[in-house]
Amino acid sequence: MLNTYFRVIVGFMVLLSVVLTVYVNPNWMWFTVFIGVNLIQSAFTKWCLLETILVKLGVKKEGKSCSSC
């Protein structure tokens, strides 16, 4: 379940940042960059802030974490 929540939240944040970039201000593209850097960082460190937050909120792990996808 954790992996599903992670993918939905990250996908929503990327789409939101693109919409904000197009309709509000081009500087919102930095939000997209931030998301990408965090995904790359989690691949190397095996630690994901969003995963930590979701676990604290009570979402159950189902085997694989977002940093090992």
PDB file of N, CA and C in Angstrom:
ATOM      1  N   MET A   1       0.817  -1.202   0.000  1.00  0.00           N
ATOM      2  CA  MET A   1       0.000   0.000   0.000  1.00  0.00           C
ATOM      3  C   MET A   1       0.857   1.261   0.000  1.00  0.00           C
ATOM      4  N   LEU A   2       1.994   1.201   0.687  1.00  0.00           N
ATOM      5  CA  LEU A   2       2.895   2.348   0.764  1.00  0.00           C
ATOM      6  C   LEU A   2       3.366   2.770  -0.621  1.00  0.00           C
ATOM      7  N   ASN A   3       3.723   1.795  -1.447  1.00  0.00           N
ATOM      8  CA  ASN A   3       4.203   2.084  -2.791  1.00  0.00           C
ATOM      9  C   ASN A   3       3.123   2.777  -3.629  1.00  0.00           C
ATOM     10  N   THR A   4       1.897   2.364  -3.469  1.00  0.00           N
ATOM     11  CA  THR A   4       0.788   2.973  -4.208  1.00  0.00           C
ATOM     12  C   THR A   4       0.592   4.424  -3.798  1.00  0.00           C
ATOM     13  N   TYR A   5       0.548   4.672  -2.489  1.00  0.00           N
ATOM     14  CA  TYR A   5       0.413   6.042  -2.004  1.00  0.00           C
ATOM     15  C   TYR A   5       1.564   6.908  -2.501  1.00  0.00           C
ATOM     16  N   PHE A   6       2.782   6.365  -2.417  1.00  0.00           N
ATOM     17  CA  PHE A   6       3.960   7.112  -2.845  1.00  0.00           C
ATOM     18  C   PHE A   6       3.840   7.531  -4.308  1.00  0.00           C
ATOM     19  N   ARG A   7       3.496   6.595  -5.169  1.00  0.00           N
ATOM     20  CA  ARG A   7       3.415   6.898  -6.604  1.00  0.00           C
ATOM     21  C   ARG A   7       2.317   7.910  -6.917  1.00  0.00           C
ATOM     22  N   VAL A   8       1.187   7.802  -6.243  1.00  0.00           N
ATOM     23  CA  VAL A   8       0.091   8.746  -6.469  1.00  0.00           C
ATOM     24  C   VAL A   8       0.488  10.151  -6.014  1.00  0.00           C
ATOM     25  N   ILE A   9       1.096  10.261  -4.841  1.00  0.00           N
ATOM     26  CA  ILE A   9       1.479  11.573  -4.310  1.00  0.00           C
ATOM     27  C   ILE A   9       2.555  12.221  -5.175  1.00  0.00           C
ATOM     28  N   VAL A  10       3.585  11.462  -5.539  1.00  0.00           N
ATOM     29  CA  VAL A  10       4.661  12.025  -6.358  1.00  0.00           C
ATOM     30  C   VAL A  10       4.138  12.402  -7.746  1.00  0.00           C
ATOM     31  N   GLY A  11       3.321  11.555  -8.334  1.00  0.00           N
ATOM     32  CA  GLY A  11       2.736  11.881  -9.637  1.00  0.00           C
ATOM     33  C   GLY A  11       1.892  13.142  -9.583  1.00  0.00           C
ATOM     34  N   PHE A  12       1.101  13.285  -8.530  1.00  0.00           N
ATOM     35  CA  PHE A  12       0.278  14.483  -8.357  1.00  0.00           C
ATOM     36  C   PHE A  12       1.158  15.725  -8.196  1.00  0.00           C
ATOM     37  N   MET A  13       2.237  15.613  -7.411  1.00  0.00           N
ATOM     38  CA  MET A  13       3.120  16.761  -7.198  1.00  0.00           C
ATOM     39  C   MET A  13       3.807  17.186  -8.494  1.00  0.00           C
ATOM     40  N   VAL A  14       4.217  16.220  -9.314  1.00  0.00           N
ATOM     41  CA  VAL A  14       4.841  16.562 -10.595  1.00  0.00           C
ATOM     42  C   VAL A  14       3.835  17.263 -11.507  1.00  0.00           C
ATOM     43  N   LEU A  15       2.633  16.713 -11.615  1.00  0.00           N
ATOM     44  CA  LEU A  15       1.614  17.352 -12.454  1.00  0.00           C
ATOM     45  C   LEU A  15       1.247  18.738 -11.937  1.00  0.00           C
ATOM     46  N   LEU A  16       1.128  18.884 -10.621  1.00  0.00           N
ATOM     47  CA  LEU A  16       0.822  20.180 -10.031  1.00  0.00           C
ATOM     48  C   LEU A  16       1.916  21.194 -10.338  1.00  0.00           C
ATOM     49  N   SER A  17       3.167  20.768 -10.235  1.00  0.00           N
ATOM     50  CA  SER A  17       4.266  21.698 -10.495  1.00  0.00           C
ATOM     51  C   SER A  17       4.297  22.126 -11.962  1.00  0.00           C
ATOM     52  N   VAL A  18       3.954  21.227 -12.867  1.00  0.00           N
ATOM     53  CA  VAL A  18       3.909  21.592 -14.289  1.00  0.00           C
ATOM     54  C   VAL A  18       2.785  22.591 -14.547  1.00  0.00           C
ATOM     55  N   VAL A  19       1.617  22.355 -13.970  1.00  0.00           N
ATOM     56  CA  VAL A  19       0.488  23.285 -14.132  1.00  0.00           C
ATOM     57  C   VAL A  19       0.844  24.654 -13.551  1.00  0.00           C
ATOM     58  N   LEU A  20       1.451  24.675 -12.366  1.00  0.00           N
ATOM     59  CA  LEU A  20       1.849  25.942 -11.760  1.00  0.00           C
ATOM     60  C   LEU A  20       2.907  26.655 -12.593  1.00  0.00           C
ATOM     61  N   THR A  21       3.807  25.896 -13.210  1.00  0.00           N
ATOM     62  CA  THR A  21       4.834  26.487 -14.074  1.00  0.00           C
ATOM     63  C   THR A  21       4.211  27.153 -15.286  1.00  0.00           C
ATOM     64  N   VAL A  22       3.237  26.495 -15.879  1.00  0.00           N
ATOM     65  CA  VAL A  22       2.613  27.017 -17.098  1.00  0.00           C
ATOM     66  C   VAL A  22       1.705  28.205 -16.801  1.00  0.00           C
ATOM     67  N   TYR A  23       0.895  28.116 -15.740  1.00  0.00           N
ATOM     68  CA  TYR A  23      -0.140  29.116 -15.513  1.00  0.00           C
ATOM     69  C   TYR A  23       0.187  30.169 -14.459  1.00  0.00           C
ATOM     70  N   VAL A  24       1.194  29.936 -13.617  1.00  0.00           N
ATOM     71  CA  VAL A  24       1.466  30.899 -12.551  1.00  0.00           C
ATOM     72  C   VAL A  24       2.816  31.583 -12.746  1.00  0.00           C
ATOM     73  N   ASN A  25       3.890  30.790 -12.700  1.00  0.00           N
ATOM     74  CA  ASN A  25       5.219  31.370 -12.778  1.00  0.00           C
ATOM     75  C   ASN A  25       6.211  30.275 -13.168  1.00  0.00           C
ATOM     76  N   PRO A  26       7.112  30.558 -14.103  1.00  0.00           N
ATOM     77  CA  PRO A  26       8.095  29.546 -14.510  1.00  0.00           C
ATOM     78  C   PRO A  26       9.003  29.059 -13.379  1.00  0.00           C
ATOM     79  N   ASN A  27       9.124  29.822 -12.311  1.00  0.00           N
ATOM     80  CA  ASN A  27       9.965  29.405 -11.189  1.00  0.00           C
ATOM     81  C   ASN A  27       9.423  28.166 -10.472  1.00  0.00           C
ATOM     82  N   TRP A  28       8.174  27.804 -10.712  1.00  0.00           N
ATOM     83  CA  TRP A  28       7.630  26.576 -10.121  1.00  0.00           C
ATOM     84  C   TRP A  28       8.308  25.336 -10.681  1.00  0.00           C
ATOM     85  N   MET A  29       9.050  25.469 -11.774  1.00  0.00           N
ATOM     86  CA  MET A  29       9.788  24.333 -12.333  1.00  0.00           C
ATOM     87  C   MET A  29      10.817  23.825 -11.322  1.00  0.00           C
ATOM     88  N   TRP A  30      11.282  24.705 -10.425  1.00  0.00           N
ATOM     89  CA  TRP A  30      12.226  24.282  -9.385  1.00  0.00           C
ATOM     90  C   TRP A  30      11.610  23.243  -8.460  1.00  0.00           C
ATOM     91  N   PHE A  31      10.298  23.270  -8.303  1.00  0.00           N
ATOM     92  CA  PHE A  31       9.610  22.251  -7.503  1.00  0.00           C
ATOM     93  C   PHE A  31       9.736  20.891  -8.181  1.00  0.00           C
ATOM     94  N   THR A  32       9.606  20.863  -9.497  1.00  0.00           N
ATOM     95  CA  THR A  32       9.788  19.624 -10.252  1.00  0.00           C
ATOM     96  C   THR A  32      11.214  19.121 -10.117  1.00  0.00           C
ATOM     97  N   VAL A  33      12.172  20.030 -10.181  1.00  0.00           N
ATOM     98  CA  VAL A  33      13.585  19.661 -10.006  1.00  0.00           C
ATOM     99  C   VAL A  33      13.798  19.073  -8.614  1.00  0.00           C
ATOM    100  N   PHE A  34      13.214  19.684  -7.601  1.00  0.00           N
ATOM    101  CA  PHE A  34      13.328  19.200  -6.226  1.00  0.00           C
ATOM    102  C   PHE A  34      12.802  17.766  -6.100  1.00  0.00           C
ATOM    103  N   ILE A  35      11.680  17.481  -6.717  1.00  0.00           N
ATOM    104  CA  ILE A  35      11.099  16.136  -6.678  1.00  0.00           C
ATOM    105  C   ILE A  35      12.043  15.142  -7.351  1.00  0.00           C
ATOM    106  N   GLY A  36      12.571  15.506  -8.514  1.00  0.00           N
ATOM    107  CA  GLY A  36      13.491  14.624  -9.226  1.00  0.00           C
ATOM    108  C   GLY A  36      14.761  14.348  -8.445  1.00  0.00           C
ATOM    109  N   VAL A  37      15.329  15.377  -7.832  1.00  0.00           N
ATOM    110  CA  VAL A  37      16.541  15.205  -7.029  1.00  0.00           C
ATOM    111  C   VAL A  37      16.274  14.294  -5.838  1.00  0.00           C
ATOM    112  N   ASN A  38      15.121  14.450  -5.212  1.00  0.00           N
ATOM    113  CA  ASN A  38      14.773  13.579  -4.081  1.00  0.00           C
ATOM    114  C   ASN A  38      14.616  12.127  -4.515  1.00  0.00           C
ATOM    115  N   LEU A  39      14.057  11.888  -5.691  1.00  0.00           N
ATOM    116  CA  LEU A  39      13.928  10.521  -6.182  1.00  0.00           C
ATOM    117  C   LEU A  39      15.297   9.901  -6.458  1.00  0.00           C
ATOM    118  N   ILE A  40      16.182  10.685  -7.058  1.00  0.00           N
ATOM    119  CA  ILE A  40      17.541  10.190  -7.318  1.00  0.00           C
ATOM    120  C   ILE A  40      18.272   9.930  -5.999  1.00  0.00           C
ATOM    121  N   GLN A  41      18.170  10.860  -5.062  1.00  0.00           N
ATOM    122  CA  GLN A  41      18.802  10.711  -3.754  1.00  0.00           C
ATOM    123  C   GLN A  41      18.326   9.450  -3.053  1.00  0.00           C
ATOM    124  N   SER A  42      17.033   9.176  -3.118  1.00  0.00           N
ATOM    125  CA  SER A  42      16.498   8.001  -2.429  1.00  0.00           C
ATOM    126  C   SER A  42      16.976   6.697  -3.062  1.00  0.00           C
ATOM    127  N   ALA A  43      17.303   6.736  -4.349  1.00  0.00           N
ATOM    128  CA  ALA A  43      17.824   5.535  -5.013  1.00  0.00           C
ATOM    129  C   ALA A  43      19.195   5.161  -4.474  1.00  0.00           C
ATOM    130  N   PHE A  44      19.984   6.146  -4.102  1.00  0.00           N
ATOM    131  CA  PHE A  44      21.329   5.886  -3.603  1.00  0.00           C
ATOM    132  C   PHE A  44      21.379   5.669  -2.095  1.00  0.00           C
ATOM    133  N   THR A  45      20.558   6.400  -1.353  1.00  0.00           N
ATOM    134  CA  THR A  45      20.635   6.334   0.112  1.00  0.00           C
ATOM    135  C   THR A  45      19.658   5.338   0.716  1.00  0.00           C
ATOM    136  N   LYS A  46      18.681   4.886  -0.069  1.00  0.00           N
ATOM    137  CA  LYS A  46      17.623   3.986   0.412  1.00  0.00           C
ATOM    138  C   LYS A  46      16.788   4.634   1.518  1.00  0.00           C
ATOM    139  N   TRP A  47      16.721   5.966   1.508  1.00  0.00           N
ATOM    140  CA  TRP A  47      15.905   6.703   2.475  1.00  0.00           C
ATOM    141  C   TRP A  47      15.028   7.686   1.723  1.00  0.00           C
ATOM    142  N   CYS A  48      13.759   7.745   2.113  1.00  0.00           N
ATOM    143  CA  CYS A  48      12.791   8.594   1.428  1.00  0.00           C
ATOM    144  C   CYS A  48      11.954   9.318   2.475  1.00  0.00           C
ATOM    145  N   LEU A  49      11.993  10.647   2.469  1.00  0.00           N
ATOM    146  CA  LEU A  49      11.242  11.427   3.448  1.00  0.00           C
ATOM    147  C   LEU A  49       9.745  11.152   3.355  1.00  0.00           C
ATOM    148  N   LEU A  50       9.210  11.085   2.145  1.00  0.00           N
ATOM    149  CA  LEU A  50       7.786  10.820   1.974  1.00  0.00           C
ATOM    150  C   LEU A  50       7.413   9.467   2.570  1.00  0.00           C
ATOM    151  N   GLU A  51       8.269   8.471   2.384  1.00  0.00           N
ATOM    152  CA  GLU A  51       8.012   7.157   2.972  1.00  0.00           C
ATOM    153  C   GLU A  51       7.965   7.250   4.495  1.00  0.00           C
ATOM    154  N   THR A  52       8.898   7.974   5.085  1.00  0.00           N
ATOM    155  CA  THR A  52       8.923   8.150   6.537  1.00  0.00           C
ATOM    156  C   THR A  52       7.639   8.817   7.027  1.00  0.00           C
ATOM    157  N   ILE A  53       7.195   9.831   6.324  1.00  0.00           N
ATOM    158  CA  ILE A  53       5.965  10.543   6.699  1.00  0.00           C
ATOM    159  C   ILE A  53       4.753   9.622   6.589  1.00  0.00           C
ATOM    160  N   LEU A  54       4.658   8.870   5.483  1.00  0.00           N
ATOM    161  CA  LEU A  54       3.512   7.976   5.294  1.00  0.00           C
ATOM    162  C   LEU A  54       3.469   6.876   6.358  1.00  0.00           C
ATOM    163  N   VAL A  55       4.636   6.334   6.724  1.00  0.00           N
ATOM    164  CA  VAL A  55       4.678   5.298   7.762  1.00  0.00           C
ATOM    165  C   VAL A  55       4.212   5.875   9.099  1.00  0.00           C
ATOM    166  N   LYS A  56       4.636   7.104   9.409  1.00  0.00           N
ATOM    167  CA  LYS A  56       4.202   7.746  10.656  1.00  0.00           C
ATOM    168  C   LYS A  56       2.706   8.033  10.652  1.00  0.00           C
ATOM    169  N   LEU A  57       2.137   8.204   9.461  1.00  0.00           N
ATOM    170  CA  LEU A  57       0.692   8.412   9.348  1.00  0.00           C
ATOM    171  C   LEU A  57      -0.090   7.100   9.396  1.00  0.00           C
ATOM    172  N   GLY A  58       0.623   5.978   9.432  1.00  0.00           N
ATOM    173  CA  GLY A  58      -0.034   4.694   9.593  1.00  0.00           C
ATOM    174  C   GLY A  58      -0.194   3.859   8.340  1.00  0.00           C
ATOM    175  N   VAL A  59       0.407   4.264   7.232  1.00  0.00           N
ATOM    176  CA  VAL A  59       0.327   3.473   6.008  1.00  0.00           C
ATOM    177  C   VAL A  59       1.240   2.259   6.164  1.00  0.00           C
ATOM    178  N   LYS A  60       0.723   1.096   5.845  1.00  0.00           N
ATOM    179  CA  LYS A  60       1.474  -0.156   6.016  1.00  0.00           C
ATOM    180  C   LYS A  60       2.443  -0.388   4.866  1.00  0.00           C
ATOM    181  N   LYS A  61       3.633  -0.867   5.212  1.00  0.00           N
ATOM    182  CA  LYS A  61       4.595  -1.261   4.190  1.00  0.00           C
ATOM    183  C   LYS A  61       4.150  -2.589   3.601  1.00  0.00           C
ATOM    184  N   GLU A  62       4.456  -2.802   2.327  1.00  0.00           N
ATOM    185  CA  GLU A  62       4.036  -4.049   1.671  1.00  0.00           C
ATOM    186  C   GLU A  62       5.206  -4.826   1.116  1.00  0.00           C
ATOM    187  N   GLY A  63       6.389  -4.587   1.627  1.00  0.00           N
ATOM    188  CA  GLY A  63       7.558  -5.310   1.145  1.00  0.00           C
ATOM    189  C   GLY A  63       8.597  -4.363   0.609  1.00  0.00           C
ATOM    190  N   LYS A  64       8.362  -3.817  -0.582  1.00  0.00           N
ATOM    191  CA  LYS A  64       9.310  -2.886  -1.181  1.00  0.00           C
ATOM    192  C   LYS A  64       8.986  -1.465  -0.738  1.00  0.00           C
ATOM    193  N   SER A  65      10.029  -0.668  -0.537  1.00  0.00           N
ATOM    194  CA  SER A  65       9.835   0.725  -0.201  1.00  0.00           C
ATOM    195  C   SER A  65      10.004   1.574  -1.456  1.00  0.00           C
ATOM    196  N   CYS A  66       9.686   2.849  -1.347  1.00  0.00           N
ATOM    197  CA  CYS A  66       9.779   3.732  -2.516  1.00  0.00           C
ATOM    198  C   CYS A  66      11.208   3.913  -2.963  1.00  0.00           C
ATOM    199  N   SER A  67      12.161   3.752  -2.075  1.00  0.00           N
ATOM    200  CA  SER A  67      13.561   3.929  -2.458  1.00  0.00           C
ATOM    201  C   SER A  67      14.137   2.702  -3.150  1.00  0.00           C
ATOM    202  N   SER A  68      13.385   1.616  -3.188  1.00  0.00           N
ATOM    203  CA  SER A  68      13.899   0.411  -3.853  1.00  0.00           C
ATOM    204  C   SER A  68      13.062   0.045  -5.072  1.00  0.00           C
ATOM    205  N   CYS A  69      12.257   0.975  -5.569  1.00  0.00           N
ATOM    206  CA  CYS A  69      11.430   0.712  -6.749  1.00  0.00           C
ATOM    207  C   CYS A  69      12.257   0.720  -8.006  1.00  0.00           C
TER     208      CYS A  69
END
